Amino acid sequence: MITYLRCNEVSMEHIFQAFSLGFSDYSIRLTMEQDDFAARFFGPEGNSRSHSFLAMDEDQPIGLILGGIRQFDGYKTMRCGTLCIGPAYRGQGISNRLLELHKQTAISAGCQQLWLEVIRDNHRAVQFYKKHGYQARYTLKYYNAMLPSVSPAPSSSYALKKLTFDDVADFRTTLTDCHIHWQSDTPYYANSTQEVFLGI
């Protein structure tokens, strides 16, 4: 029998087991240690164990939805930090129940919107979220380039200098007419210990 528990009622080990199982066949390899998972997903990612749910088959963790609440784009927002189900348990309505618990928690907390990110080519997930009333709002694009070495800044009237987080947060308040992705906004970086801020 499948049961559902809030994540503050279970161990971090169970939460991590569900995450690892749910992403075991994902298109992007998500391998990390349990401590790294906890530090990231319940740190900068902004998820809360009291807003997250675990699906169990007897004593086996098989599904997970993580949720976090904060002001985002001017609204009190519940964000889905992840939703995953073990491959053998998909298609049984478990993701529907987890998302229902997620929405009920958002409503009880007075949230005005639900938010999540999904890879566009993950067609199954995209259709699932559309079925539940989600609509595409923005497209995120990630770019990278390989550099042989970091060259000195060209001479110009610009200067490159290290900034504090407070400098970045103050600048962020001036950007009122643009959308900034959840993981690029200041509340995310306020809880991160892996960042260096540079400004031009």
C-alpha atoms as a PDB file:
ATOM      1  CA  MET A   1       0.000   0.000   0.000  1.00  0.00           C
ATOM      2  CA  ILE A   2       1.294   3.474  -0.915  1.00  0.00           C
ATOM      3  CA  THR A   3       1.358   6.024   1.906  1.00  0.00           C
ATOM      4  CA  TYR A   4       2.297   9.716   1.849  1.00  0.00           C
ATOM      5  CA  LEU A   5       4.207  11.537   4.565  1.00  0.00           C
ATOM      6  CA  ARG A   6       5.491  15.066   5.026  1.00  0.00           C
ATOM      7  CA  CYS A   7       9.247  15.131   4.763  1.00  0.00           C
ATOM      8  CA  ASN A   8       9.617  16.548   8.274  1.00  0.00           C
ATOM      9  CA  GLU A   9       8.182  13.198   9.502  1.00  0.00           C
ATOM     10  CA  VAL A  10      10.853  11.062   7.819  1.00  0.00           C
ATOM     11  CA  SER A  11      14.626  10.829   7.766  1.00  0.00           C
ATOM     12  CA  MET A  12      16.844  12.632   5.299  1.00  0.00           C
ATOM     13  CA  GLU A  13      18.057   9.186   4.271  1.00  0.00           C
ATOM     14  CA  HIS A  14      14.537   8.248   3.109  1.00  0.00           C
ATOM     15  CA  ILE A  15      14.169  11.553   1.225  1.00  0.00           C
ATOM     16  CA  PHE A  16      17.508  11.028  -0.498  1.00  0.00           C
ATOM     17  CA  GLN A  17      16.647   7.404  -1.377  1.00  0.00           C
ATOM     18  CA  ALA A  18      13.444   8.557  -3.102  1.00  0.00           C
ATOM     19  CA  PHE A  19      15.347  11.282  -4.980  1.00  0.00           C
ATOM     20  CA  SER A  20      18.057   8.854  -6.113  1.00  0.00           C
ATOM     21  CA  LEU A  21      15.510   6.255  -7.234  1.00  0.00           C
ATOM     22  CA  GLY A  22      13.295   8.793  -9.004  1.00  0.00           C
ATOM     23  CA  PHE A  23      16.206  10.227 -10.999  1.00  0.00           C
ATOM     24  CA  SER A  24      17.999   6.916 -11.588  1.00  0.00           C
ATOM     25  CA  ASP A  25      17.064   6.941 -15.296  1.00  0.00           C
ATOM     26  CA  TYR A  26      16.920  10.707 -15.861  1.00  0.00           C
ATOM     27  CA  SER A  27      18.321  12.259 -19.050  1.00  0.00           C
ATOM     28  CA  ILE A  28      20.764  14.330 -16.982  1.00  0.00           C
ATOM     29  CA  ARG A  29      22.928  12.353 -14.587  1.00  0.00           C
ATOM     30  CA  LEU A  30      22.131  13.499 -11.035  1.00  0.00           C
ATOM     31  CA  THR A  31      24.609  11.840  -8.748  1.00  0.00           C
ATOM     32  CA  MET A  32      25.567  13.362  -5.423  1.00  0.00           C
ATOM     33  CA  GLU A  33      26.168  12.409  -1.845  1.00  0.00           C
ATOM     34  CA  GLN A  34      23.335  12.673   0.662  1.00  0.00           C
ATOM     35  CA  ASP A  35      24.960  15.575   2.533  1.00  0.00           C
ATOM     36  CA  ASP A  36      25.415  17.512  -0.732  1.00  0.00           C
ATOM     37  CA  PHE A  37      21.784  16.814  -1.667  1.00  0.00           C
ATOM     38  CA  ALA A  38      20.517  18.078   1.713  1.00  0.00           C
ATOM     39  CA  ALA A  39      22.733  21.172   1.644  1.00  0.00           C
ATOM     40  CA  ARG A  40      21.631  22.120  -1.876  1.00  0.00           C
ATOM     41  CA  PHE A  41      17.937  21.212  -1.980  1.00  0.00           C
ATOM     42  CA  PHE A  42      17.139  22.369   1.562  1.00  0.00           C
ATOM     43  CA  GLY A  43      19.571  25.302   1.386  1.00  0.00           C
ATOM     44  CA  PRO A  44      19.840  27.631  -1.629  1.00  0.00           C
ATOM     45  CA  GLU A  45      17.074  25.807  -3.540  1.00  0.00           C
ATOM     46  CA  GLY A  46      14.663  27.027  -0.858  1.00  0.00           C
ATOM     47  CA  ASN A  47      12.735  23.798  -0.239  1.00  0.00           C
ATOM     48  CA  SER A  48      11.303  23.098   3.190  1.00  0.00           C
ATOM     49  CA  ARG A  49      10.752  19.648   4.633  1.00  0.00           C
ATOM     50  CA  SER A  50       7.382  20.802   5.994  1.00  0.00           C
ATOM     51  CA  HIS A  51       6.298  21.739   2.434  1.00  0.00           C
ATOM     52  CA  SER A  52       7.580  18.503   0.870  1.00  0.00           C
ATOM     53  CA  PHE A  53       6.114  14.981   0.667  1.00  0.00           C
ATOM     54  CA  LEU A  54       7.431  11.453   0.358  1.00  0.00           C
ATOM     55  CA  ALA A  55       5.588   8.463  -1.127  1.00  0.00           C
ATOM     56  CA  MET A  56       6.324   5.114   0.537  1.00  0.00           C
ATOM     57  CA  ASP A  57       5.559   1.545  -0.485  1.00  0.00           C
ATOM     58  CA  GLU A  58       5.614  -0.142   2.932  1.00  0.00           C
ATOM     59  CA  ASP A  59       9.089   0.905   4.169  1.00  0.00           C
ATOM     60  CA  GLN A  60      10.508   1.723   0.707  1.00  0.00           C
ATOM     61  CA  PRO A  61      10.720   5.403  -0.403  1.00  0.00           C
ATOM     62  CA  ILE A  62       9.436   5.509  -3.999  1.00  0.00           C
ATOM     63  CA  GLY A  63       8.426   9.102  -4.798  1.00  0.00           C
ATOM     64  CA  LEU A  64       9.156  12.651  -3.756  1.00  0.00           C
ATOM     65  CA  ILE A  65       7.942  16.203  -4.240  1.00  0.00           C
ATOM     66  CA  LEU A  66       9.918  19.088  -2.756  1.00  0.00           C
ATOM     67  CA  GLY A  67       8.333  22.465  -2.132  1.00  0.00           C
ATOM     68  CA  GLY A  68       9.492  25.880  -0.994  1.00  0.00           C
ATOM     69  CA  ILE A  69       7.634  29.135  -0.435  1.00  0.00           C
ATOM     70  CA  ARG A  70       8.807  32.720  -0.887  1.00  0.00           C
ATOM     71  CA  GLN A  71       7.944  35.983  -2.645  1.00  0.00           C
ATOM     72  CA  PHE A  72       8.763  35.551  -6.323  1.00  0.00           C
ATOM     73  CA  ASP A  73       7.888  37.839  -9.237  1.00  0.00           C
ATOM     74  CA  GLY A  74       5.715  39.841  -6.826  1.00  0.00           C
ATOM     75  CA  TYR A  75       3.622  36.893  -5.578  1.00  0.00           C
ATOM     76  CA  LYS A  76       3.747  34.529  -2.641  1.00  0.00           C
ATOM     77  CA  THR A  77       4.870  31.446  -4.529  1.00  0.00           C
ATOM     78  CA  MET A  78       5.106  27.720  -3.912  1.00  0.00           C
ATOM     79  CA  ARG A  79       7.855  26.290  -6.103  1.00  0.00           C
ATOM     80  CA  CYS A  80       8.168  22.622  -6.914  1.00  0.00           C
ATOM     81  CA  GLY A  81      11.853  21.920  -6.331  1.00  0.00           C
ATOM     82  CA  THR A  82      11.541  18.408  -7.727  1.00  0.00           C
ATOM     83  CA  LEU A  83       8.948  15.741  -8.438  1.00  0.00           C
ATOM     84  CA  CYS A  84      10.191  12.219  -9.078  1.00  0.00           C
ATOM     85  CA  ILE A  85       8.844   8.683  -8.972  1.00  0.00           C
ATOM     86  CA  GLY A  86      10.792   5.423  -9.099  1.00  0.00           C
ATOM     87  CA  PRO A  87      10.620   3.907 -12.605  1.00  0.00           C
ATOM     88  CA  ALA A  88       8.667   0.800 -11.512  1.00  0.00           C
ATOM     89  CA  TYR A  89       5.970   2.956  -9.871  1.00  0.00           C
ATOM     90  CA  ARG A  90       5.227   5.391 -12.689  1.00  0.00           C
ATOM     91  CA  GLY A  91       1.767   5.493 -14.242  1.00  0.00           C
ATOM     92  CA  GLN A  92       0.017   4.534 -10.976  1.00  0.00           C
ATOM     93  CA  GLY A  93      -1.212   8.002  -9.966  1.00  0.00           C
ATOM     94  CA  ILE A  94       1.500   8.626  -7.372  1.00  0.00           C
ATOM     95  CA  SER A  95       2.726  11.827  -9.044  1.00  0.00           C
ATOM     96  CA  ASN A  96      -0.900  13.071  -9.200  1.00  0.00           C
ATOM     97  CA  ARG A  97      -1.298  12.543  -5.447  1.00  0.00           C
ATOM     98  CA  LEU A  98       2.050  14.180  -4.632  1.00  0.00           C
ATOM     99  CA  LEU A  99       1.180  17.209  -6.771  1.00  0.00           C
ATOM    100  CA  GLU A 100      -2.257  17.403  -5.128  1.00  0.00           C
ATOM    101  CA  LEU A 101      -0.611  17.494  -1.673  1.00  0.00           C
ATOM    102  CA  HIS A 102       1.785  20.152  -2.994  1.00  0.00           C
ATOM    103  CA  LYS A 103      -1.113  22.336  -4.225  1.00  0.00           C
ATOM    104  CA  GLN A 104      -3.096  21.859  -0.996  1.00  0.00           C
ATOM    105  CA  THR A 105      -0.062  22.982   1.014  1.00  0.00           C
ATOM    106  CA  ALA A 106       0.317  26.077  -1.201  1.00  0.00           C
ATOM    107  CA  ILE A 107      -3.357  26.993  -0.776  1.00  0.00           C
ATOM    108  CA  SER A 108      -3.194  26.484   3.004  1.00  0.00           C
ATOM    109  CA  ALA A 109      -0.141  28.758   3.140  1.00  0.00           C
ATOM    110  CA  GLY A 110      -1.897  31.511   1.178  1.00  0.00           C
ATOM    111  CA  CYS A 111       0.254  31.209  -1.935  1.00  0.00           C
ATOM    112  CA  GLN A 112      -0.869  33.047  -5.053  1.00  0.00           C
ATOM    113  CA  GLN A 113       0.977  30.982  -7.651  1.00  0.00           C
ATOM    114  CA  LEU A 114       2.729  27.675  -8.261  1.00  0.00           C
ATOM    115  CA  TRP A 115       6.088  27.590 -10.038  1.00  0.00           C
ATOM    116  CA  LEU A 116       8.511  25.021 -11.403  1.00  0.00           C
ATOM    117  CA  GLU A 117      11.133  24.485 -14.072  1.00  0.00           C
ATOM    118  CA  VAL A 118      11.100  21.572 -16.505  1.00  0.00           C
ATOM    119  CA  ILE A 119      13.348  20.587 -19.399  1.00  0.00           C
ATOM    120  CA  ARG A 120      11.409  21.339 -22.584  1.00  0.00           C
ATOM    121  CA  ASP A 121      12.364  18.017 -24.180  1.00  0.00           C
ATOM    122  CA  ASN A 122      11.020  16.068 -21.185  1.00  0.00           C
ATOM    123  CA  HIS A 123       7.706  15.665 -23.025  1.00  0.00           C
ATOM    124  CA  ARG A 124       6.112  13.375 -20.458  1.00  0.00           C
ATOM    125  CA  ALA A 125       6.721  15.873 -17.653  1.00  0.00           C
ATOM    126  CA  VAL A 126       5.637  18.846 -19.773  1.00  0.00           C
ATOM    127  CA  GLN A 127       2.331  17.140 -20.619  1.00  0.00           C
ATOM    128  CA  PHE A 128       1.818  16.119 -16.991  1.00  0.00           C
ATOM    129  CA  TYR A 129       2.202  19.698 -15.751  1.00  0.00           C
ATOM    130  CA  LYS A 130      -0.007  21.092 -18.523  1.00  0.00           C
ATOM    131  CA  LYS A 131      -2.697  18.586 -17.529  1.00  0.00           C
ATOM    132  CA  HIS A 132      -2.507  20.033 -14.019  1.00  0.00           C
ATOM    133  CA  GLY A 133      -2.975  23.624 -15.187  1.00  0.00           C
ATOM    134  CA  TYR A 134       0.622  24.816 -15.488  1.00  0.00           C
ATOM    135  CA  GLN A 135       1.454  27.116 -18.403  1.00  0.00           C
ATOM    136  CA  ALA A 136       4.851  27.900 -19.913  1.00  0.00           C
ATOM    137  CA  ARG A 137       5.950  31.423 -18.967  1.00  0.00           C
ATOM    138  CA  TYR A 138       9.670  31.674 -19.698  1.00  0.00           C
ATOM    139  CA  THR A 139      12.397  29.757 -21.494  1.00  0.00           C
ATOM    140  CA  LEU A 140      15.713  29.332 -19.683  1.00  0.00           C
ATOM    141  CA  LYS A 141      18.834  28.899 -21.768  1.00  0.00           C
ATOM    142  CA  TYR A 142      22.198  27.855 -20.442  1.00  0.00           C
ATOM    143  CA  TYR A 143      25.402  28.572 -22.342  1.00  0.00           C
ATOM    144  CA  ASN A 144      28.979  27.570 -21.790  1.00  0.00           C
ATOM    145  CA  ALA A 145      32.300  28.006 -23.541  1.00  0.00           C
ATOM    146  CA  MET A 146      35.744  26.590 -22.950  1.00  0.00           C
ATOM    147  CA  LEU A 147      38.538  29.069 -22.351  1.00  0.00           C
ATOM    148  CA  PRO A 148      42.239  28.148 -22.499  1.00  0.00           C
ATOM    149  CA  SER A 149      42.903  30.605 -19.670  1.00  0.00           C
ATOM    150  CA  VAL A 150      41.468  33.747 -18.203  1.00  0.00           C
ATOM    151  CA  SER A 151      43.066  36.715 -19.898  1.00  0.00           C
ATOM    152  CA  PRO A 152      43.384  40.124 -18.282  1.00  0.00           C
ATOM    153  CA  ALA A 153      40.485  42.498 -18.774  1.00  0.00           C
ATOM    154  CA  PRO A 154      40.957  44.707 -21.825  1.00  0.00           C
ATOM    155  CA  SER A 155      41.924  48.265 -21.064  1.00  0.00           C
ATOM    156  CA  SER A 156      38.846  50.458 -21.174  1.00  0.00           C
ATOM    157  CA  SER A 157      36.825  52.744 -18.972  1.00  0.00           C
ATOM    158  CA  TYR A 158      35.325  49.716 -17.219  1.00  0.00           C
ATOM    159  CA  ALA A 159      36.692  48.121 -14.068  1.00  0.00           C
ATOM    160  CA  LEU A 160      36.114  44.579 -12.812  1.00  0.00           C
ATOM    161  CA  LYS A 161      35.864  44.253  -9.055  1.00  0.00           C
ATOM    162  CA  LYS A 162      34.748  41.771  -6.448  1.00  0.00           C
ATOM    163  CA  LEU A 163      31.394  42.602  -4.849  1.00  0.00           C
ATOM    164  CA  THR A 164      29.697  41.615  -1.634  1.00  0.00           C
ATOM    165  CA  PHE A 165      26.361  39.854  -1.588  1.00  0.00           C
ATOM    166  CA  ASP A 166      24.787  43.060  -0.232  1.00  0.00           C
ATOM    167  CA  ASP A 167      26.046  44.946  -3.307  1.00  0.00           C
ATOM    168  CA  VAL A 168      24.355  42.392  -5.553  1.00  0.00           C
ATOM    169  CA  ALA A 169      21.133  42.424  -3.509  1.00  0.00           C
ATOM    170  CA  ASP A 170      20.991  46.240  -3.647  1.00  0.00           C
ATOM    171  CA  PHE A 171      21.498  46.201  -7.420  1.00  0.00           C
ATOM    172  CA  ARG A 172      18.790  43.534  -7.763  1.00  0.00           C
ATOM    173  CA  THR A 173      16.212  45.940  -6.276  1.00  0.00           C
ATOM    174  CA  THR A 174      16.752  48.263  -9.256  1.00  0.00           C
ATOM    175  CA  LEU A 175      15.772  45.532 -11.751  1.00  0.00           C
ATOM    176  CA  THR A 176      12.012  45.860 -11.440  1.00  0.00           C
ATOM    177  CA  ASP A 177      11.007  45.316 -15.058  1.00  0.00           C
ATOM    178  CA  CYS A 178      12.533  41.910 -15.723  1.00  0.00           C
ATOM    179  CA  HIS A 179      12.097  38.295 -14.674  1.00  0.00           C
ATOM    180  CA  ILE A 180      15.011  36.682 -12.872  1.00  0.00           C
ATOM    181  CA  HIS A 181      14.998  32.890 -12.576  1.00  0.00           C
ATOM    182  CA  TRP A 182      14.450  31.439  -9.054  1.00  0.00           C
ATOM    183  CA  GLN A 183      18.011  30.082  -8.880  1.00  0.00           C
ATOM    184  CA  SER A 184      19.522  33.345 -10.116  1.00  0.00           C
ATOM    185  CA  ASP A 185      17.684  35.585  -7.680  1.00  0.00           C
ATOM    186  CA  THR A 186      19.118  36.957  -4.464  1.00  0.00           C
ATOM    187  CA  PRO A 187      17.272  34.664  -1.978  1.00  0.00           C
ATOM    188  CA  TYR A 188      18.976  31.686  -3.670  1.00  0.00           C
ATOM    189  CA  TYR A 189      22.434  33.202  -3.428  1.00  0.00           C
ATOM    190  CA  ALA A 190      21.828  34.438   0.110  1.00  0.00           C
ATOM    191  CA  ASN A 191      21.904  30.797   1.231  1.00  0.00           C
ATOM    192  CA  SER A 192      24.725  29.618  -1.014  1.00  0.00           C
ATOM    193  CA  THR A 193      28.308  29.201   0.121  1.00  0.00           C
ATOM    194  CA  GLN A 194      29.653  28.429  -3.356  1.00  0.00           C
ATOM    195  CA  GLU A 195      29.508  31.836  -5.015  1.00  0.00           C
ATOM    196  CA  VAL A 196      31.886  34.697  -5.783  1.00  0.00           C
ATOM    197  CA  PHE A 197      30.352  37.934  -7.034  1.00  0.00           C
ATOM    198  CA  LEU A 198      32.045  40.042  -9.678  1.00  0.00           C
ATOM    199  CA  GLY A 199      30.765  43.265 -11.169  1.00  0.00           C
ATOM    200  CA  ILE A 200      31.735  45.476 -14.081  1.00  0.00           C
END
